[in-house]
């Protein structure tokens, strides 16, 4: 989930996303995407304004 937050911060800083609208961030490992979250973006200097609104999926153990 850390990577999801990082990519949203970077995208906001570079103007690639609008910070007024929620976005879906997807991240994973070399085996594929395994984490998806809905985030309200923020600029890096206002990091505490970023909100993780919903966890759509996260990695888990298969037994």
PDB file of N, CA and C in Angstrom:
ATOM      1  N   UNK A   1       0.821  -1.180   0.000  1.00  0.00           N
ATOM      2  CA  UNK A   1       0.000   0.000   0.000  1.00  0.00           C
ATOM      3  C   UNK A   1       0.874   1.256   0.000  1.00  0.00           C
ATOM      4  N   UNK A   2       2.067   1.146   0.519  1.00  0.00           N
ATOM      5  CA  UNK A   2       3.001   2.269   0.538  1.00  0.00           C
ATOM      6  C   UNK A   2       3.256   2.784  -0.870  1.00  0.00           C
ATOM      7  N   UNK A   3       3.411   1.882  -1.809  1.00  0.00           N
ATOM      8  CA  UNK A   3       3.677   2.282  -3.187  1.00  0.00           C
ATOM      9  C   UNK A   3       2.475   3.000  -3.792  1.00  0.00           C
ATOM     10  N   UNK A   4       1.278   2.574  -3.466  1.00  0.00           N
ATOM     11  CA  UNK A   4       0.072   3.264  -3.952  1.00  0.00           C
ATOM     12  C   UNK A   4       0.077   4.722  -3.512  1.00  0.00           C
ATOM     13  N   UNK A   5       0.395   4.947  -2.243  1.00  0.00           N
ATOM     14  CA  UNK A   5       0.450   6.322  -1.725  1.00  0.00           C
ATOM     15  C   UNK A   5       1.550   7.102  -2.436  1.00  0.00           C
ATOM     16  N   UNK A   6       2.705   6.496  -2.618  1.00  0.00           N
ATOM     17  CA  UNK A   6       3.824   7.177  -3.268  1.00  0.00           C
ATOM     18  C   UNK A   6       3.498   7.568  -4.707  1.00  0.00           C
ATOM     19  N   UNK A   7       2.859   6.683  -5.464  1.00  0.00           N
ATOM     20  CA  UNK A   7       2.581   7.012  -6.860  1.00  0.00           C
ATOM     21  C   UNK A   7       1.516   8.098  -6.978  1.00  0.00           C
ATOM     22  N   UNK A   8       0.572   8.116  -6.047  1.00  0.00           N
ATOM     23  CA  UNK A   8      -0.443   9.179  -6.068  1.00  0.00           C
ATOM     24  C   UNK A   8       0.206  10.522  -5.725  1.00  0.00           C
ATOM     25  N   UNK A   9       1.095  10.543  -4.746  1.00  0.00           N
ATOM     26  CA  UNK A   9       1.798  11.782  -4.410  1.00  0.00           C
ATOM     27  C   UNK A   9       2.616  12.288  -5.594  1.00  0.00           C
ATOM     28  N   UNK A  10       3.334  11.385  -6.250  1.00  0.00           N
ATOM     29  CA  UNK A  10       4.156  11.782  -7.402  1.00  0.00           C
ATOM     30  C   UNK A  10       3.295  12.271  -8.559  1.00  0.00           C
ATOM     31  N   UNK A  11       2.190  11.594  -8.814  1.00  0.00           N
ATOM     32  CA  UNK A  11       1.299  12.000  -9.900  1.00  0.00           C
ATOM     33  C   UNK A  11       0.693  13.376  -9.622  1.00  0.00           C
ATOM     34  N   UNK A  12       0.322  13.636  -8.374  1.00  0.00           N
ATOM     35  CA  UNK A  12      -0.226  14.945  -8.011  1.00  0.00           C
ATOM     36  C   UNK A  12       0.826  16.037  -8.161  1.00  0.00           C
ATOM     37  N   UNK A  13       2.028  15.766  -7.704  1.00  0.00           N
ATOM     38  CA  UNK A  13       3.115  16.745  -7.807  1.00  0.00           C
ATOM     39  C   UNK A  13       3.417  17.115  -9.255  1.00  0.00           C
ATOM     40  N   UNK A  14       3.278  16.168 -10.156  1.00  0.00           N
ATOM     41  CA  UNK A  14       3.592  16.400 -11.562  1.00  0.00           C
ATOM     42  C   UNK A  14       2.384  16.843 -12.384  1.00  0.00           C
ATOM     43  N   UNK A  15       1.250  17.038 -11.735  1.00  0.00           N
ATOM     44  CA  UNK A  15       0.064  17.524 -12.428  1.00  0.00           C
ATOM     45  C   UNK A  15      -0.649  16.485 -13.274  1.00  0.00           C
ATOM     46  N   UNK A  16      -0.338  15.214 -13.071  1.00  0.00           N
ATOM     47  CA  UNK A  16      -0.938  14.149 -13.871  1.00  0.00           C
ATOM     48  C   UNK A  16      -2.353  13.810 -13.407  1.00  0.00           C
ATOM     49  N   UNK A  17      -2.684  14.146 -12.167  1.00  0.00           N
ATOM     50  CA  UNK A  17      -4.021  13.884 -11.646  1.00  0.00           C
ATOM     51  C   UNK A  17      -4.549  15.136 -10.951  1.00  0.00           C
ATOM     52  N   UNK A  18      -5.858  15.217 -10.872  1.00  0.00           N
ATOM     53  CA  UNK A  18      -6.529  16.327 -10.202  1.00  0.00           C
ATOM     54  C   UNK A  18      -6.681  15.978  -8.722  1.00  0.00           C
ATOM     55  N   UNK A  19      -6.231  16.837  -7.828  1.00  0.00           N
ATOM     56  CA  UNK A  19      -6.313  16.499  -6.402  1.00  0.00           C
ATOM     57  C   UNK A  19      -7.717  16.662  -5.835  1.00  0.00           C
ATOM     58  N   UNK A  20      -8.648  17.157  -6.639  1.00  0.00           N
ATOM     59  CA  UNK A  20     -10.024  17.322  -6.172  1.00  0.00           C
ATOM     60  C   UNK A  20     -10.882  16.080  -6.392  1.00  0.00           C
ATOM     61  N   UNK A  21     -10.351  15.077  -7.088  1.00  0.00           N
ATOM     62  CA  UNK A  21     -11.123  13.868  -7.388  1.00  0.00           C
ATOM     63  C   UNK A  21     -10.387  12.639  -6.882  1.00  0.00           C
ATOM     64  N   UNK A  22     -11.147  11.667  -6.399  1.00  0.00           N
ATOM     65  CA  UNK A  22     -10.564  10.414  -5.935  1.00  0.00           C
ATOM     66  C   UNK A  22      -9.986   9.638  -7.124  1.00  0.00           C
ATOM     67  N   UNK A  23      -8.942   8.869  -6.870  1.00  0.00           N
ATOM     68  CA  UNK A  23      -8.309   8.045  -7.903  1.00  0.00           C
ATOM     69  C   UNK A  23      -8.144   6.627  -7.378  1.00  0.00           C
ATOM     70  N   UNK A  24      -7.976   5.692  -8.304  1.00  0.00           N
ATOM     71  CA  UNK A  24      -7.630   4.317  -7.945  1.00  0.00           C
ATOM     72  C   UNK A  24      -6.149   4.139  -8.220  1.00  0.00           C
ATOM     73  N   UNK A  25      -5.407   3.711  -7.214  1.00  0.00           N
ATOM     74  CA  UNK A  25      -3.981   3.447  -7.364  1.00  0.00           C
ATOM     75  C   UNK A  25      -3.774   1.931  -7.278  1.00  0.00           C
ATOM     76  N   UNK A  26      -2.959   1.416  -8.201  1.00  0.00           N
ATOM     77  CA  UNK A  26      -2.696  -0.025  -8.265  1.00  0.00           C
ATOM     78  C   UNK A  26      -1.192  -0.250  -8.199  1.00  0.00           C
ATOM     79  N   UNK A  27      -0.769  -1.194  -7.383  1.00  0.00           N
ATOM     80  CA  UNK A  27       0.651  -1.513  -7.253  1.00  0.00           C
ATOM     81  C   UNK A  27       0.804  -3.016  -7.044  1.00  0.00           C
ATOM     82  N   UNK A  28       2.041  -3.482  -7.075  1.00  0.00           N
ATOM     83  CA  UNK A  28       2.273  -4.901  -6.874  1.00  0.00           C
ATOM     84  C   UNK A  28       3.746  -5.230  -6.881  1.00  0.00           C
ATOM     85  N   UNK A  29       4.026  -6.473  -7.205  1.00  0.00           N
ATOM     86  CA  UNK A  29       5.396  -6.973  -7.237  1.00  0.00           C
ATOM     87  C   UNK A  29       5.727  -7.393  -8.664  1.00  0.00           C
ATOM     88  N   UNK A  30       6.864  -8.036  -8.829  1.00  0.00           N
ATOM     89  CA  UNK A  30       7.219  -8.530 -10.162  1.00  0.00           C
ATOM     90  C   UNK A  30       6.303  -9.671 -10.611  1.00  0.00           C
ATOM     91  N   UNK A  31       5.487 -10.173  -9.700  1.00  0.00           N
ATOM     92  CA  UNK A  31       4.532 -11.224 -10.044  1.00  0.00           C
ATOM     93  C   UNK A  31       3.193 -10.665 -10.505  1.00  0.00           C
ATOM     94  N   UNK A  32       3.005  -9.349 -10.394  1.00  0.00           N
ATOM     95  CA  UNK A  32       1.777  -8.719 -10.861  1.00  0.00           C
ATOM     96  C   UNK A  32       1.159  -7.804  -9.816  1.00  0.00           C
ATOM     97  N   UNK A  33       0.128  -7.093 -10.248  1.00  0.00           N
ATOM     98  CA  UNK A  33      -0.572  -6.171  -9.354  1.00  0.00           C
ATOM     99  C   UNK A  33      -1.332  -6.956  -8.291  1.00  0.00           C
ATOM    100  N   UNK A  34      -1.195  -6.548  -7.036  1.00  0.00           N
ATOM    101  CA  UNK A  34      -1.896  -7.241  -5.961  1.00  0.00           C
ATOM    102  C   UNK A  34      -2.534  -6.288  -4.953  1.00  0.00           C
ATOM    103  N   UNK A  35      -2.370  -4.987  -5.159  1.00  0.00           N
ATOM    104  CA  UNK A  35      -2.923  -4.003  -4.238  1.00  0.00           C
ATOM    105  C   UNK A  35      -3.629  -2.911  -5.028  1.00  0.00           C
ATOM    106  N   UNK A  36      -4.845  -2.568  -4.619  1.00  0.00           N
ATOM    107  CA  UNK A  36      -5.581  -1.477  -5.251  1.00  0.00           C
ATOM    108  C   UNK A  36      -6.340  -0.719  -4.168  1.00  0.00           C
ATOM    109  N   UNK A  37      -6.215   0.613  -4.199  1.00  0.00           N
ATOM    110  CA  UNK A  37      -6.893   1.444  -3.206  1.00  0.00           C
ATOM    111  C   UNK A  37      -7.493   2.672  -3.881  1.00  0.00           C
ATOM    112  N   UNK A  38      -8.555   3.182  -3.282  1.00  0.00           N
ATOM    113  CA  UNK A  38      -9.126   4.450  -3.721  1.00  0.00           C
ATOM    114  C   UNK A  38      -8.565   5.513  -2.782  1.00  0.00           C
ATOM    115  N   UNK A  39      -7.975   6.558  -3.378  1.00  0.00           N
ATOM    116  CA  UNK A  39      -7.282   7.586  -2.607  1.00  0.00           C
ATOM    117  C   UNK A  39      -7.743   8.972  -3.031  1.00  0.00           C
ATOM    118  N   UNK A  40      -7.910   9.854  -2.047  1.00  0.00           N
ATOM    119  CA  UNK A  40      -8.096  11.270  -2.336  1.00  0.00           C
ATOM    120  C   UNK A  40      -6.693  11.866  -2.326  1.00  0.00           C
ATOM    121  N   UNK A  41      -6.206  12.323  -3.483  1.00  0.00           N
ATOM    122  CA  UNK A  41      -4.821  12.777  -3.594  1.00  0.00           C
ATOM    123  C   UNK A  41      -4.524  14.053  -2.814  1.00  0.00           C
ATOM    124  N   UNK A  42      -3.232  14.294  -2.643  1.00  0.00           N
ATOM    125  CA  UNK A  42      -2.731  15.526  -2.041  1.00  0.00           C
ATOM    126  C   UNK A  42      -1.331  15.770  -2.592  1.00  0.00           C
ATOM    127  N   UNK A  43      -0.888  17.012  -2.495  1.00  0.00           N
ATOM    128  CA  UNK A  43       0.489  17.333  -2.853  1.00  0.00           C
ATOM    129  C   UNK A  43       1.410  16.879  -1.722  1.00  0.00           C
ATOM    130  N   UNK A  44       2.674  16.641  -2.052  1.00  0.00           N
ATOM    131  CA  UNK A  44       3.618  16.121  -1.056  1.00  0.00           C
ATOM    132  C   UNK A  44       3.756  17.051   0.148  1.00  0.00           C
ATOM    133  N   UNK A  45       3.753  18.350  -0.074  1.00  0.00           N
ATOM    134  CA  UNK A  45       3.908  19.270   1.055  1.00  0.00           C
ATOM    135  C   UNK A  45       2.660  19.322   1.944  1.00  0.00           C
ATOM    136  N   UNK A  46       1.550  18.733   1.485  1.00  0.00           N
ATOM    137  CA  UNK A  46       0.316  18.620   2.278  1.00  0.00           C
ATOM    138  C   UNK A  46      -0.033  17.136   2.448  1.00  0.00           C
ATOM    139  N   UNK A  47       0.980  16.325   2.691  1.00  0.00           N
ATOM    140  CA  UNK A  47       0.849  14.870   2.759  1.00  0.00           C
ATOM    141  C   UNK A  47      -0.294  14.415   3.671  1.00  0.00           C
ATOM    142  N   UNK A  48      -0.495  15.089   4.774  1.00  0.00           N
ATOM    143  CA  UNK A  48      -1.525  14.656   5.730  1.00  0.00           C
ATOM    144  C   UNK A  48      -2.943  14.887   5.217  1.00  0.00           C
ATOM    145  N   UNK A  49      -3.091  15.604   4.117  1.00  0.00           N
ATOM    146  CA  UNK A  49      -4.413  15.771   3.500  1.00  0.00           C
ATOM    147  C   UNK A  49      -4.802  14.568   2.645  1.00  0.00           C
ATOM    148  N   UNK A  50      -3.836  13.729   2.298  1.00  0.00           N
ATOM    149  CA  UNK A  50      -4.112  12.526   1.516  1.00  0.00           C
ATOM    150  C   UNK A  50      -4.979  11.589   2.348  1.00  0.00           C
ATOM    151  N   UNK A  51      -6.002  11.012   1.724  1.00  0.00           N
ATOM    152  CA  UNK A  51      -6.900  10.096   2.439  1.00  0.00           C
ATOM    153  C   UNK A  51      -7.043   8.790   1.680  1.00  0.00           C
ATOM    154  N   UNK A  52      -6.779   7.692   2.353  1.00  0.00           N
ATOM    155  CA  UNK A  52      -7.072   6.380   1.780  1.00  0.00           C
ATOM    156  C   UNK A  52      -8.540   6.125   2.074  1.00  0.00           C
ATOM    157  N   UNK A  53      -9.350   6.150   1.031  1.00  0.00           N
ATOM    158  CA  UNK A  53     -10.800   6.051   1.213  1.00  0.00           C
ATOM    159  C   UNK A  53     -11.289   4.613   1.278  1.00  0.00           C
ATOM    160  N   UNK A  54     -10.659   3.737   0.485  1.00  0.00           N
ATOM    161  CA  UNK A  54     -11.131   2.347   0.449  1.00  0.00           C
ATOM    162  C   UNK A  54     -10.015   1.435  -0.031  1.00  0.00           C
ATOM    163  N   UNK A  55      -9.883   0.281   0.596  1.00  0.00           N
ATOM    164  CA  UNK A  55      -8.943  -0.743   0.152  1.00  0.00           C
ATOM    165  C   UNK A  55      -9.741  -1.724  -0.689  1.00  0.00           C
ATOM    166  N   UNK A  56      -9.412  -1.778  -1.979  1.00  0.00           N
ATOM    167  CA  UNK A  56     -10.142  -2.665  -2.885  1.00  0.00           C
ATOM    168  C   UNK A  56      -9.599  -4.086  -2.822  1.00  0.00           C
ATOM    169  N   UNK A  57      -8.290  -4.204  -2.798  1.00  0.00           N
ATOM    170  CA  UNK A  57      -7.658  -5.513  -2.693  1.00  0.00           C
ATOM    171  C   UNK A  57      -6.264  -5.345  -2.114  1.00  0.00           C
ATOM    172  N   UNK A  58      -5.816  -6.355  -1.396  1.00  0.00           N
ATOM    173  CA  UNK A  58      -4.466  -6.361  -0.858  1.00  0.00           C
ATOM    174  C   UNK A  58      -3.969  -7.793  -0.834  1.00  0.00           C
ATOM    175  N   UNK A  59      -2.658  -7.994  -0.821  1.00  0.00           N
ATOM    176  CA  UNK A  59      -2.131  -9.357  -0.859  1.00  0.00           C
ATOM    177  C   UNK A  59      -2.500 -10.138   0.402  1.00  0.00           C
ATOM    178  N   UNK A  60      -2.692 -11.401   0.219  1.00  0.00           N
ATOM    179  CA  UNK A  60      -3.009 -12.279   1.348  1.00  0.00           C
ATOM    180  C   UNK A  60      -2.386 -13.639   1.137  1.00  0.00           C
ATOM    181  N   UNK A  61      -2.413 -14.445   2.155  1.00  0.00           N
ATOM    182  CA  UNK A  61      -1.853 -15.791   2.063  1.00  0.00           C
ATOM    183  C   UNK A  61      -2.935 -16.770   1.627  1.00  0.00           C
ATOM    184  N   UNK A  62      -2.567 -17.642   0.727  1.00  0.00           N
ATOM    185  CA  UNK A  62      -3.472 -18.705   0.288  1.00  0.00           C
ATOM    186  C   UNK A  62      -3.039 -19.979   1.002  1.00  0.00           C
ATOM    187  N   UNK A  63      -3.953 -20.596   1.730  1.00  0.00           N
ATOM    188  CA  UNK A  63      -3.568 -21.808   2.468  1.00  0.00           C
ATOM    189  C   UNK A  63      -4.117 -23.039   1.818  1.00  0.00           C
TER     190      UNK A  63
END
